[in-house]
PDB file of N, CA and C in Angstrom:
ATOM      1  N   MET A   1      75.516 -74.264 261.395  1.00  0.00           N
ATOM      2  CA  MET A   1      75.148 -73.841 262.750  1.00  0.00           C
ATOM      3  C   MET A   1      75.934 -72.584 263.113  1.00  0.00           C
ATOM      4  N   GLU A   2      75.233 -71.639 263.673  1.00  0.00           N
ATOM      5  CA  GLU A   2      75.846 -70.375 264.069  1.00  0.00           C
ATOM      6  C   GLU A   2      76.797 -70.587 265.245  1.00  0.00           C
ATOM      7  N   ASN A   3      77.917 -69.898 265.215  1.00  0.00           N
ATOM      8  CA  ASN A   3      78.874 -69.947 266.324  1.00  0.00           C
ATOM      9  C   ASN A   3      78.280 -69.174 267.492  1.00  0.00           C
ATOM     10  N   PRO A   4      78.064 -69.835 268.648  1.00  0.00           N
ATOM     11  CA  PRO A   4      77.440 -69.138 269.786  1.00  0.00           C
ATOM     12  C   PRO A   4      78.269 -67.962 270.290  1.00  0.00           C
ATOM     13  N   HIS A   5      79.578 -67.970 270.004  1.00  0.00           N
ATOM     14  CA  HIS A   5      80.423 -66.867 270.466  1.00  0.00           C
ATOM     15  C   HIS A   5      80.144 -65.576 269.703  1.00  0.00           C
ATOM     16  N   ASP A   6      79.509 -65.707 268.543  1.00  0.00           N
ATOM     17  CA  ASP A   6      79.162 -64.525 267.756  1.00  0.00           C
ATOM     18  C   ASP A   6      77.819 -63.930 268.169  1.00  0.00           C
ATOM     19  N   ASN A   7      77.098 -64.637 269.034  1.00  0.00           N
ATOM     20  CA  ASN A   7      75.764 -64.204 269.439  1.00  0.00           C
ATOM     21  C   ASN A   7      75.665 -64.340 270.957  1.00  0.00           C
ATOM     22  N   PRO A   8      75.719 -63.225 271.686  1.00  0.00           N
ATOM     23  CA  PRO A   8      75.691 -63.298 273.153  1.00  0.00           C
ATOM     24  C   PRO A   8      74.487 -64.057 273.708  1.00  0.00           C
ATOM     25  N   ALA A   9      73.329 -63.918 273.092  1.00  0.00           N
ATOM     26  CA  ALA A   9      72.136 -64.621 273.586  1.00  0.00           C
ATOM     27  C   ALA A   9      72.289 -66.122 273.388  1.00  0.00           C
ATOM     28  N   ALA A  10      72.830 -66.526 272.251  1.00  0.00           N
ATOM     29  CA  ALA A  10      73.052 -67.955 271.987  1.00  0.00           C
ATOM     30  C   ALA A  10      74.109 -68.511 272.927  1.00  0.00           C
ATOM     31  N   LEU A  11      75.143 -67.724 273.196  1.00  0.00           N
ATOM     32  CA  LEU A  11      76.186 -68.166 274.120  1.00  0.00           C
ATOM     33  C   LEU A  11      75.619 -68.360 275.521  1.00  0.00           C
ATOM     34  N   LYS A  12      74.794 -67.422 275.963  1.00  0.00           N
ATOM     35  CA  LYS A  12      74.164 -67.536 277.284  1.00  0.00           C
ATOM     36  C   LYS A  12      73.274 -68.775 277.338  1.00  0.00           C
ATOM     37  N   GLU A  13      72.543 -69.041 276.279  1.00  0.00           N
ATOM     38  CA  GLU A  13      71.672 -70.210 276.227  1.00  0.00           C
ATOM     39  C   GLU A  13      72.504 -71.497 276.312  1.00  0.00           C
ATOM     40  N   LEU A  14      73.627 -71.540 275.618  1.00  0.00           N
ATOM     41  CA  LEU A  14      74.508 -72.703 275.658  1.00  0.00           C
ATOM     42  C   LEU A  14      75.094 -72.888 277.055  1.00  0.00           C
ATOM     43  N   GLN A  15      75.547 -71.795 277.653  1.00  0.00           N
ATOM     44  CA  GLN A  15      76.093 -71.861 279.010  1.00  0.00           C
ATOM     45  C   GLN A  15      75.050 -72.374 280.003  1.00  0.00           C
ATOM     46  N   ASP A  16      73.831 -71.871 279.894  1.00  0.00           N
ATOM     47  CA  ASP A  16      72.752 -72.305 280.787  1.00  0.00           C
ATOM     48  C   ASP A  16      72.448 -73.787 280.598  1.00  0.00           C
ATOM     49  N   ALA A  17      72.452 -74.247 279.357  1.00  0.00           N
ATOM     50  CA  ALA A  17      72.180 -75.665 279.082  1.00  0.00           C
ATOM     51  C   ALA A  17      73.268 -76.554 279.673  1.00  0.00           C
ATOM     52  N   ILE A  18      74.517 -76.136 279.542  1.00  0.00           N
ATOM     53  CA  ILE A  18      75.630 -76.913 280.109  1.00  0.00           C
ATOM     54  C   ILE A  18      75.510 -76.957 281.624  1.00  0.00           C
ATOM     55  N   TYR A  19      75.216 -75.807 282.232  1.00  0.00           N
ATOM     56  CA  TYR A  19      75.070 -75.748 283.682  1.00  0.00           C
ATOM     57  C   TYR A  19      73.938 -76.651 284.157  1.00  0.00           C
ATOM     58  N   ARG A  20      72.776 -76.569 283.483  1.00  0.00           N
ATOM     59  CA  ARG A  20      71.634 -77.409 283.851  1.00  0.00           C
ATOM     60  C   ARG A  20      72.004 -78.883 283.779  1.00  0.00           C
ATOM     61  N   GLU A  21      72.695 -79.277 282.706  1.00  0.00           N
ATOM     62  CA  GLU A  21      73.083 -80.674 282.518  1.00  0.00           C
ATOM     63  C   GLU A  21      74.005 -81.131 283.648  1.00  0.00           C
ATOM     64  N   LYS A  22      74.948 -80.277 284.034  1.00  0.00           N
ATOM     65  CA  LYS A  22      75.884 -80.626 285.115  1.00  0.00           C
ATOM     66  C   LYS A  22      75.142 -80.756 286.448  1.00  0.00           C
ATOM     67  N   VAL A  23      74.224 -79.856 286.714  1.00  0.00           N
ATOM     68  CA  VAL A  23      73.464 -79.904 287.966  1.00  0.00           C
ATOM     69  C   VAL A  23      72.604 -81.164 288.013  1.00  0.00           C
ATOM     70  N   LEU A  24      71.914 -81.462 286.929  1.00  0.00           N
ATOM     71  CA  LEU A  24      71.065 -82.659 286.893  1.00  0.00           C
ATOM     72  C   LEU A  24      71.896 -83.931 287.049  1.00  0.00           C
ATOM     73  N   ARG A  25      73.048 -83.968 286.402  1.00  0.00           N
ATOM     74  CA  ARG A  25      73.922 -85.138 286.535  1.00  0.00           C
ATOM     75  C   ARG A  25      74.412 -85.291 287.982  1.00  0.00           C
ATOM     76  N   ALA A  26      74.789 -84.183 288.617  1.00  0.00           N
ATOM     77  CA  ALA A  26      75.266 -84.235 289.998  1.00  0.00           C
ATOM     78  C   ALA A  26      74.161 -84.693 290.942  1.00  0.00           C
ATOM     79  N   ARG A  27      72.932 -84.267 290.697  1.00  0.00           N
ATOM     80  CA  ARG A  27      71.816 -84.664 291.559  1.00  0.00           C
ATOM     81  C   ARG A  27      71.527 -86.154 291.481  1.00  0.00           C
ATOM     82  N   GLU A  28      71.863 -86.773 290.342  1.00  0.00           N
ATOM     83  CA  GLU A  28      71.632 -88.209 290.175  1.00  0.00           C
ATOM     84  C   GLU A  28      72.748 -89.059 290.783  1.00  0.00           C
ATOM     85  N   MET A  29      73.849 -88.447 291.135  1.00  0.00           N
ATOM     86  CA  MET A  29      74.994 -89.192 291.670  1.00  0.00           C
ATOM     87  C   MET A  29      74.777 -89.567 293.130  1.00  0.00           C
ATOM     88  N   THR A  30      75.372 -90.678 293.489  1.00  0.00           N
ATOM     89  CA  THR A  30      75.381 -91.059 294.897  1.00  0.00           C
ATOM     90  C   THR A  30      76.465 -90.241 295.603  1.00  0.00           C
ATOM     91  N   VAL A  31      76.470 -90.277 296.914  1.00  0.00           N
ATOM     92  CA  VAL A  31      77.503 -89.578 297.680  1.00  0.00           C
ATOM     93  C   VAL A  31      78.881 -90.125 297.316  1.00  0.00           C
ATOM     94  N   ALA A  32      78.988 -91.439 297.187  1.00  0.00           N
ATOM     95  CA  ALA A  32      80.273 -92.056 296.844  1.00  0.00           C
ATOM     96  C   ALA A  32      80.748 -91.606 295.461  1.00  0.00           C
ATOM     97  N   GLU A  33      79.824 -91.493 294.500  1.00  0.00           N
ATOM     98  CA  GLU A  33      80.192 -91.038 293.161  1.00  0.00           C
ATOM     99  C   GLU A  33      80.665 -89.585 293.186  1.00  0.00           C
ATOM    100  N   ARG A  34      79.981 -88.765 293.966  1.00  0.00           N
ATOM    101  CA  ARG A  34      80.406 -87.360 294.084  1.00  0.00           C
ATOM    102  C   ARG A  34      81.789 -87.266 294.707  1.00  0.00           C
ATOM    103  N   LEU A  35      82.021 -88.080 295.734  1.00  0.00           N
ATOM    104  CA  LEU A  35      83.324 -88.078 296.388  1.00  0.00           C
ATOM    105  C   LEU A  35      84.418 -88.517 295.415  1.00  0.00           C
ATOM    106  N   ASP A  36      84.140 -89.523 294.603  1.00  0.00           N
ATOM    107  CA  ASP A  36      85.091 -89.949 293.574  1.00  0.00           C
ATOM    108  C   ASP A  36      85.403 -88.799 292.618  1.00  0.00           C
ATOM    109  N   GLU A  37      84.384 -88.052 292.230  1.00  0.00           N
ATOM    110  CA  GLU A  37      84.587 -86.910 291.335  1.00  0.00           C
ATOM    111  C   GLU A  37      85.478 -85.860 291.984  1.00  0.00           C
ATOM    112  N   VAL A  38      85.275 -85.635 293.283  1.00  0.00           N
ATOM    113  CA  VAL A  38      86.097 -84.652 293.998  1.00  0.00           C
ATOM    114  C   VAL A  38      87.558 -85.071 293.968  1.00  0.00           C
ATOM    115  N   PHE A  39      87.821 -86.344 294.241  1.00  0.00           N
ATOM    116  CA  PHE A  39      89.205 -86.810 294.236  1.00  0.00           C
ATOM    117  C   PHE A  39      89.809 -86.769 292.836  1.00  0.00           C
ATOM    118  N   ASP A  40      89.031 -87.120 291.825  1.00  0.00           N
ATOM    119  CA  ASP A  40      89.528 -87.036 290.449  1.00  0.00           C
ATOM    120  C   ASP A  40      89.884 -85.601 290.087  1.00  0.00           C
ATOM    121  N   LEU A  41      89.010 -84.671 290.432  1.00  0.00           N
ATOM    122  CA  LEU A  41      89.266 -83.264 290.144  1.00  0.00           C
ATOM    123  C   LEU A  41      90.513 -82.782 290.879  1.00  0.00           C
ATOM    124  N   SER A  42      90.634 -83.162 292.134  1.00  0.00           N
ATOM    125  CA  SER A  42      91.794 -82.773 292.928  1.00  0.00           C
ATOM    126  C   SER A  42      93.084 -83.329 292.328  1.00  0.00           C
ATOM    127  N   ASN A  43      93.046 -84.592 291.914  1.00  0.00           N
ATOM    128  CA  ASN A  43      94.238 -85.200 291.308  1.00  0.00           C
ATOM    129  C   ASN A  43      94.618 -84.500 290.005  1.00  0.00           C
ATOM    130  N   ARG A  44      93.626 -84.178 289.184  1.00  0.00           N
ATOM    131  CA  ARG A  44      93.919 -83.464 287.934  1.00  0.00           C
ATOM    132  C   ARG A  44      94.512 -82.094 288.221  1.00  0.00           C
ATOM    133  N   GLN A  45      93.962 -81.403 289.230  1.00  0.00           N
ATOM    134  CA  GLN A  45      94.459 -80.073 289.562  1.00  0.00           C
ATOM    135  C   GLN A  45      95.892 -80.130 290.076  1.00  0.00           C
ATOM    136  N   MET A  46      96.192 -81.116 290.897  1.00  0.00           N
ATOM    137  CA  MET A  46      97.563 -81.246 291.398  1.00  0.00           C
ATOM    138  C   MET A  46      98.520 -81.544 290.242  1.00  0.00           C
ATOM    139  N   GLY A  47      98.085 -82.361 289.287  1.00  0.00           N
ATOM    140  CA  GLY A  47      98.910 -82.629 288.109  1.00  0.00           C
ATOM    141  C   GLY A  47      99.165 -81.376 287.299  1.00  0.00           C
ATOM    142  N   MET A  48      98.143 -80.533 287.185  1.00  0.00           N
ATOM    143  CA  MET A  48      98.306 -79.267 286.458  1.00  0.00           C
ATOM    144  C   MET A  48      99.258 -78.337 287.206  1.00  0.00           C
ATOM    145  N   MET A  49      99.162 -78.317 288.525  1.00  0.00           N
ATOM    146  CA  MET A  49     100.074 -77.497 289.307  1.00  0.00           C
ATOM    147  C   MET A  49     101.512 -77.987 289.135  1.00  0.00           C
ATOM    148  N   LEU A  50     101.703 -79.314 289.161  1.00  0.00           N
ATOM    149  CA  LEU A  50     103.039 -79.878 288.968  1.00  0.00           C
ATOM    150  C   LEU A  50     103.582 -79.485 287.598  1.00  0.00           C
ATOM    151  N   ALA A  51     102.777 -79.648 286.557  1.00  0.00           N
ATOM    152  CA  ALA A  51     103.226 -79.295 285.214  1.00  0.00           C
ATOM    153  C   ALA A  51     103.574 -77.805 285.129  1.00  0.00           C
ATOM    154  N   GLY A  52     102.756 -76.971 285.747  1.00  0.00           N
ATOM    155  CA  GLY A  52     103.029 -75.533 285.743  1.00  0.00           C
ATOM    156  C   GLY A  52     104.307 -75.188 286.479  1.00  0.00           C
ATOM    157  N   ALA A  53     104.532 -75.841 287.612  1.00  0.00           N
ATOM    158  CA  ALA A  53     105.747 -75.591 288.389  1.00  0.00           C
ATOM    159  C   ALA A  53     106.982 -76.029 287.604  1.00  0.00           C
ATOM    160  N   MET A  54     106.898 -77.195 286.989  1.00  0.00           N
ATOM    161  CA  MET A  54     108.038 -77.689 286.222  1.00  0.00           C
ATOM    162  C   MET A  54     108.314 -76.782 285.023  1.00  0.00           C
ATOM    163  N   HIS A  55     107.260 -76.310 284.372  1.00  0.00           N
ATOM    164  CA  HIS A  55     107.438 -75.385 283.248  1.00  0.00           C
ATOM    165  C   HIS A  55     108.075 -74.090 283.722  1.00  0.00           C
ATOM    166  N   ARG A  56     107.579 -73.574 284.812  1.00  0.00           N
ATOM    167  CA  ARG A  56     108.113 -72.313 285.343  1.00  0.00           C
ATOM    168  C   ARG A  56     109.577 -72.443 285.719  1.00  0.00           C
ATOM    169  N   LEU A  57     109.946 -73.593 286.272  1.00  0.00           N
ATOM    170  CA  LEU A  57     111.340 -73.823 286.658  1.00  0.00           C
ATOM    171  C   LEU A  57     112.209 -74.231 285.469  1.00  0.00           C
ATOM    172  N   GLY A  58     111.581 -74.607 284.370  1.00  0.00           N
ATOM    173  CA  GLY A  58     112.331 -75.069 283.212  1.00  0.00           C
ATOM    174  C   GLY A  58     113.017 -76.404 283.470  1.00  0.00           C
ATOM    175  N   THR A  59     112.305 -77.321 284.128  1.00  0.00           N
ATOM    176  CA  THR A  59     112.885 -78.608 284.496  1.00  0.00           C
ATOM    177  C   THR A  59     111.947 -79.746 284.120  1.00  0.00           C
ATOM    178  N   THR A  60     112.515 -80.931 284.021  1.00  0.00           N
ATOM    179  CA  THR A  60     111.715 -82.148 283.858  1.00  0.00           C
ATOM    180  C   THR A  60     111.790 -82.993 285.122  1.00  0.00           C
ATOM    181  N   ASP A  61     112.439 -82.455 286.145  1.00  0.00           N
ATOM    182  CA  ASP A  61     112.619 -83.161 287.418  1.00  0.00           C
ATOM    183  C   ASP A  61     111.348 -82.993 288.262  1.00  0.00           C
ATOM    184  N   GLN A  62     110.585 -84.090 288.417  1.00  0.00           N
ATOM    185  CA  GLN A  62     109.327 -84.002 289.174  1.00  0.00           C
ATOM    186  C   GLN A  62     109.559 -83.643 290.632  1.00  0.00           C
ATOM    187  N   GLU A  63     110.647 -84.090 291.215  1.00  0.00           N
ATOM    188  CA  GLU A  63     110.914 -83.760 292.619  1.00  0.00           C
ATOM    189  C   GLU A  63     111.056 -82.249 292.801  1.00  0.00           C
ATOM    190  N   LYS A  64     111.769 -81.611 291.890  1.00  0.00           N
ATOM    191  CA  LYS A  64     111.888 -80.146 291.958  1.00  0.00           C
ATOM    192  C   LYS A  64     110.519 -79.499 291.741  1.00  0.00           C
ATOM    193  N   GLY A  65     109.726 -80.077 290.834  1.00  0.00           N
ATOM    194  CA  GLY A  65     108.387 -79.551 290.591  1.00  0.00           C
ATOM    195  C   GLY A  65     107.515 -79.645 291.832  1.00  0.00           C
ATOM    196  N   TRP A  66     107.541 -80.795 292.504  1.00  0.00           N
ATOM    197  CA  TRP A  66     106.736 -80.953 293.723  1.00  0.00           C
ATOM    198  C   TRP A  66     107.217 -80.022 294.827  1.00  0.00           C
ATOM    199  N   ASP A  67     108.541 -79.779 294.888  1.00  0.00           N
ATOM    200  CA  ASP A  67     109.055 -78.822 295.868  1.00  0.00           C
ATOM    201  C   ASP A  67     108.475 -77.433 295.609  1.00  0.00           C
ATOM    202  N   GLU A  68     108.388 -77.062 294.332  1.00  0.00           N
ATOM    203  CA  GLU A  68     107.824 -75.756 293.984  1.00  0.00           C
ATOM    204  C   GLU A  68     106.334 -75.702 294.307  1.00  0.00           C
ATOM    205  N   VAL A  69     105.592 -76.766 294.004  1.00  0.00           N
ATOM    206  CA  VAL A  69     104.164 -76.818 294.352  1.00  0.00           C
ATOM    207  C   VAL A  69     104.000 -76.676 295.858  1.00  0.00           C
ATOM    208  N   SER A  70     104.827 -77.379 296.613  1.00  0.00           N
ATOM    209  CA  SER A  70     104.767 -77.296 298.072  1.00  0.00           C
ATOM    210  C   SER A  70     105.037 -75.870 298.550  1.00  0.00           C
ATOM    211  N   ARG A  71     105.984 -75.211 297.908  1.00  0.00           N
ATOM    212  CA  ARG A  71     106.287 -73.820 298.266  1.00  0.00           C
ATOM    213  C   ARG A  71     105.077 -72.931 297.989  1.00  0.00           C
ATOM    214  N   TRP A  72     104.424 -73.129 296.826  1.00  0.00           N
ATOM    215  CA  TRP A  72     103.234 -72.346 296.492  1.00  0.00           C
ATOM    216  C   TRP A  72     102.126 -72.568 297.509  1.00  0.00           C
ATOM    217  N   LEU A  73     101.880 -73.831 297.855  1.00  0.00           N
ATOM    218  CA  LEU A  73     100.810 -74.136 298.810  1.00  0.00           C
ATOM    219  C   LEU A  73     101.129 -73.587 300.194  1.00  0.00           C
ATOM    220  N   GLY A  74     102.397 -73.636 300.578  1.00  0.00           N
ATOM    221  CA  GLY A  74     102.809 -73.052 301.855  1.00  0.00           C
ATOM    222  C   GLY A  74     102.552 -71.557 301.888  1.00  0.00           C
ATOM    223  N   ARG A  75     102.816 -70.921 300.764  1.00  0.00           N
ATOM    224  CA  ARG A  75     102.564 -69.477 300.663  1.00  0.00           C
ATOM    225  C   ARG A  75     101.073 -69.182 300.825  1.00  0.00           C
ATOM    226  N   LEU A  76     100.238 -69.976 300.175  1.00  0.00           N
ATOM    227  CA  LEU A  76      98.790 -69.795 300.330  1.00  0.00           C
ATOM    228  C   LEU A  76      98.350 -70.015 301.777  1.00  0.00           C
ATOM    229  N   ASP A  77      98.925 -71.009 302.431  1.00  0.00           N
ATOM    230  CA  ASP A  77      98.601 -71.262 303.841  1.00  0.00           C
ATOM    231  C   ASP A  77      98.946 -70.052 304.701  1.00  0.00           C
ATOM    232  N   ARG A  78     100.115 -69.477 304.462  1.00  0.00           N
ATOM    233  CA  ARG A  78     100.530 -68.311 305.261  1.00  0.00           C
ATOM    234  C   ARG A  78      99.600 -67.120 305.025  1.00  0.00           C
ATOM    235  N   VAL A  79      99.208 -66.914 303.787  1.00  0.00           N
ATOM    236  CA  VAL A  79      98.279 -65.825 303.475  1.00  0.00           C
ATOM    237  C   VAL A  79      96.961 -66.041 304.204  1.00  0.00           C
ATOM    238  N   ARG A  80      96.446 -67.287 304.145  1.00  0.00           N
ATOM    239  CA  ARG A  80      95.191 -67.606 304.835  1.00  0.00           C
ATOM    240  C   ARG A  80      95.346 -67.417 306.346  1.00  0.00           C
ATOM    241  N   ASP A  81      96.443 -67.921 306.905  1.00  0.00           N
ATOM    242  CA  ASP A  81      96.650 -67.848 308.347  1.00  0.00           C
ATOM    243  C   ASP A  81      96.746 -66.419 308.855  1.00  0.00           C
ATOM    244  N   HIS A  82      97.226 -65.518 308.013  1.00  0.00           N
ATOM    245  CA  HIS A  82      97.337 -64.120 308.413  1.00  0.00           C
ATOM    246  C   HIS A  82      96.109 -63.290 308.040  1.00  0.00           C
ATOM    247  N   GLY A  83      95.097 -63.946 307.484  1.00  0.00           N
ATOM    248  CA  GLY A  83      93.869 -63.238 307.136  1.00  0.00           C
ATOM    249  C   GLY A  83      94.059 -62.202 306.035  1.00  0.00           C
ATOM    250  N   LEU A  84      94.999 -62.463 305.109  1.00  0.00           N
ATOM    251  CA  LEU A  84      95.319 -61.481 304.080  1.00  0.00           C
ATOM    252  C   LEU A  84      94.482 -61.637 302.812  1.00  0.00           C
ATOM    253  N   TYR A  85      93.444 -62.433 302.870  1.00  0.00           N
ATOM    254  CA  TYR A  85      92.516 -62.515 301.751  1.00  0.00           C
ATOM    255  C   TYR A  85      91.110 -62.591 302.307  1.00  0.00           C
ATOM    256  N   VAL A  86      90.171 -62.250 301.474  1.00  0.00           N
ATOM    257  CA  VAL A  86      88.773 -62.297 301.892  1.00  0.00           C
ATOM    258  C   VAL A  86      88.016 -63.195 300.933  1.00  0.00           C
ATOM    259  N   THR A  87      86.935 -63.770 301.408  1.00  0.00           N
ATOM    260  CA  THR A  87      86.115 -64.626 300.566  1.00  0.00           C
ATOM    261  C   THR A  87      84.867 -63.904 300.074  1.00  0.00           C
ATOM    262  N   GLU A  88      84.629 -62.702 300.587  1.00  0.00           N
ATOM    263  CA  GLU A  88      83.490 -61.911 300.145  1.00  0.00           C
ATOM    264  C   GLU A  88      83.963 -60.513 299.812  1.00  0.00           C
ATOM    265  N   ARG A  89      83.291 -59.907 298.859  1.00  0.00           N
ATOM    266  CA  ARG A  89      83.633 -58.558 298.452  1.00  0.00           C
ATOM    267  C   ARG A  89      83.332 -57.581 299.587  1.00  0.00           C
ATOM    268  N   ARG A  90      84.281 -56.728 299.873  1.00  0.00           N
ATOM    269  CA  ARG A  90      84.091 -55.732 300.926  1.00  0.00           C
ATOM    270  C   ARG A  90      83.278 -54.564 300.395  1.00  0.00           C
ATOM    271  N   GLN A  91      82.441 -54.009 301.262  1.00  0.00           N
ATOM    272  CA  GLN A  91      81.649 -52.830 300.905  1.00  0.00           C
ATOM    273  C   GLN A  91      82.527 -51.606 301.027  1.00  0.00           C
ATOM    274  N   SER A  92      82.502 -50.737 300.028  1.00  0.00           N
ATOM    275  CA  SER A  92      83.287 -49.519 300.090  1.00  0.00           C
ATOM    276  C   SER A  92      82.600 -48.517 301.011  1.00  0.00           C
ATOM    277  N   ALA A  93      83.414 -47.682 301.641  1.00  0.00           N
ATOM    278  CA  ALA A  93      82.896 -46.723 302.623  1.00  0.00           C
ATOM    279  C   ALA A  93      82.202 -45.557 302.008  1.00  0.00           C
TER     280      ALA A  93
END
């Protein structure tokens, strides 16, 4: 089987198939199942943030890691509160 990464058209076809499968699966889910998926994704992401913080600090202390995650999230909150990011691309003048 050809490696799709060597063929842009094959890669696009694979990406489209994966996307279609995910959309169809999501459409078959109940609201409760979707909500469960959201919480699972959120929990995995928080775990990844903790691992990244601990790696960056060079520690195995989870409390220090959570303190760093909290600091990162606080920074994001301040940026949002001050309107220092945009969610849409600005048109150039």
